Amino acid sequence: MFLLAGCMSSGEPVSWDDQADESGHGLVEREFTAACMEANDDLSEVRSRTFCACVLDGVREAVTFEKFTELDDFVDKHRDDVTAAMLGEHFAWFVEATEACAT
């Protein structure tokens, strides 16, 4: 299970909870979850949603929103070339959250 999709829209949220919908979920959370679930479409919908929520929780605990946007920018810039090794080198906190949730 690995997430390799851009996570945010061009609406440029400024915090985790910015642009919350009626459910209280911010744009970043909604778009991260959608991209994560798409990247993990080999899982059942329930497992995928659970996995993606776990990863997002781990990321939110590990880094600031600004650090997360660095990951999103990196993935956008290197979309066709991103590897697990590259993410591990630059964003170990993301890989750690992903691995912790995959178990």
Protein backbone atom coordinates (compact mmCIF):
# COMPACT_ATOMS: atom_id res chain seq x y z
CA MET A 1 0.00 0.00 0.00
CA PHE A 2 1.48 3.26 -1.02
CA LEU A 3 0.15 6.69 -1.78
CA LEU A 4 1.55 8.49 -4.81
CA ALA A 5 -0.98 11.09 -5.77
CA GLY A 6 -1.19 14.83 -5.35
CA CYS A 7 -3.07 15.55 -2.17
CA MET A 8 -4.35 19.09 -2.44
CA SER A 9 -6.18 21.20 -4.96
CA SER A 10 -5.29 24.59 -6.31
CA GLY A 11 -7.60 26.14 -3.68
CA GLU A 12 -4.45 26.45 -1.56
CA PRO A 13 -5.72 25.67 1.94
CA VAL A 14 -3.71 27.32 4.69
CA SER A 15 -4.35 24.78 7.46
CA TRP A 16 -5.48 21.21 8.01
CA ASP A 17 -9.05 22.35 8.68
CA ASP A 18 -9.33 25.14 6.11
CA GLN A 19 -12.39 25.03 3.85
CA ALA A 20 -14.23 22.54 6.03
CA ASP A 21 -17.42 21.05 4.63
CA GLU A 22 -20.65 20.31 6.50
CA SER A 23 -19.03 17.18 8.00
CA GLY A 24 -16.27 19.31 9.52
CA HIS A 25 -13.54 17.82 7.32
CA GLY A 26 -11.16 20.34 5.78
CA LEU A 27 -10.27 20.40 2.10
CA VAL A 28 -6.83 18.90 2.75
CA GLU A 29 -8.32 15.94 4.61
CA ARG A 30 -10.98 15.35 1.95
CA GLU A 31 -8.53 15.55 -0.94
CA PHE A 32 -5.84 13.52 0.82
CA THR A 33 -8.38 10.79 1.58
CA ALA A 34 -9.70 10.77 -1.99
CA ALA A 35 -6.19 10.58 -3.48
CA CYS A 36 -5.12 7.95 -0.99
CA MET A 37 -8.18 5.80 -1.64
CA GLU A 38 -7.64 6.08 -5.39
CA ALA A 39 -4.00 5.05 -4.98
CA ASN A 40 -5.11 2.08 -2.88
CA ASP A 41 -8.06 0.93 -4.96
CA ASP A 42 -6.88 -2.67 -4.65
CA LEU A 43 -8.25 -2.61 -1.08
CA SER A 44 -11.89 -2.80 -0.10
CA GLU A 45 -13.48 0.62 0.34
CA VAL A 46 -13.71 0.16 4.11
CA ARG A 47 -10.06 -0.97 4.43
CA SER A 48 -8.89 1.80 2.12
CA ARG A 49 -10.78 4.48 4.07
CA THR A 50 -9.43 3.12 7.37
CA PHE A 51 -5.87 2.97 6.03
CA CYS A 52 -6.02 6.48 4.60
CA ALA A 53 -7.48 7.94 7.81
CA CYS A 54 -4.70 6.22 9.76
CA VAL A 55 -2.01 7.66 7.47
CA LEU A 56 -3.47 11.15 7.70
CA ASP A 57 -3.65 10.91 11.50
CA GLY A 58 -0.01 9.76 11.60
CA VAL A 59 1.09 12.58 9.33
CA ARG A 60 -0.83 15.18 11.34
CA GLU A 61 0.83 13.91 14.53
CA ALA A 62 4.29 13.91 12.96
CA VAL A 63 4.52 17.22 11.12
CA THR A 64 3.08 20.67 10.73
CA PHE A 65 0.73 21.55 7.91
CA GLU A 66 3.59 23.45 6.25
CA LYS A 67 5.78 20.31 6.20
CA PHE A 68 2.90 18.37 4.69
CA THR A 69 2.59 20.93 1.89
CA GLU A 70 6.28 20.30 1.10
CA LEU A 71 5.39 16.65 0.49
CA ASP A 72 2.45 17.61 -1.69
CA ASP A 73 4.61 20.02 -3.73
CA PHE A 74 7.30 17.33 -4.10
CA VAL A 75 4.80 14.76 -5.35
CA ASP A 76 3.30 17.30 -7.78
CA LYS A 77 6.74 18.23 -9.11
CA HIS A 78 8.05 14.66 -9.42
CA ARG A 79 4.76 12.89 -10.08
CA ASP A 80 6.11 10.51 -12.73
CA ASP A 81 9.40 9.82 -10.96
CA VAL A 82 8.47 9.45 -7.29
CA THR A 83 9.70 6.26 -5.68
CA ALA A 84 9.41 4.88 -2.17
CA ALA A 85 13.14 5.49 -1.74
CA MET A 86 12.77 9.16 -2.69
CA LEU A 87 9.93 9.60 -0.24
CA GLY A 88 11.93 7.84 2.46
CA GLU A 89 14.90 10.10 1.86
CA HIS A 90 12.95 13.36 1.91
CA PHE A 91 9.82 12.53 3.90
CA ALA A 92 10.62 9.68 6.28
CA TRP A 93 7.71 10.73 8.50
CA PHE A 94 5.29 9.99 5.65
CA VAL A 95 6.79 6.58 4.95
CA GLU A 96 6.73 5.76 8.66
CA ALA A 97 3.04 6.72 8.92
CA THR A 98 2.24 4.66 5.82
CA GLU A 99 4.12 1.62 7.06
CA ALA A 100 2.59 1.83 10.54
CA CYS A 101 -0.90 1.86 9.05
CA ALA A 102 -0.23 -0.98 6.63
CA THR A 103 0.28 -3.48 9.43
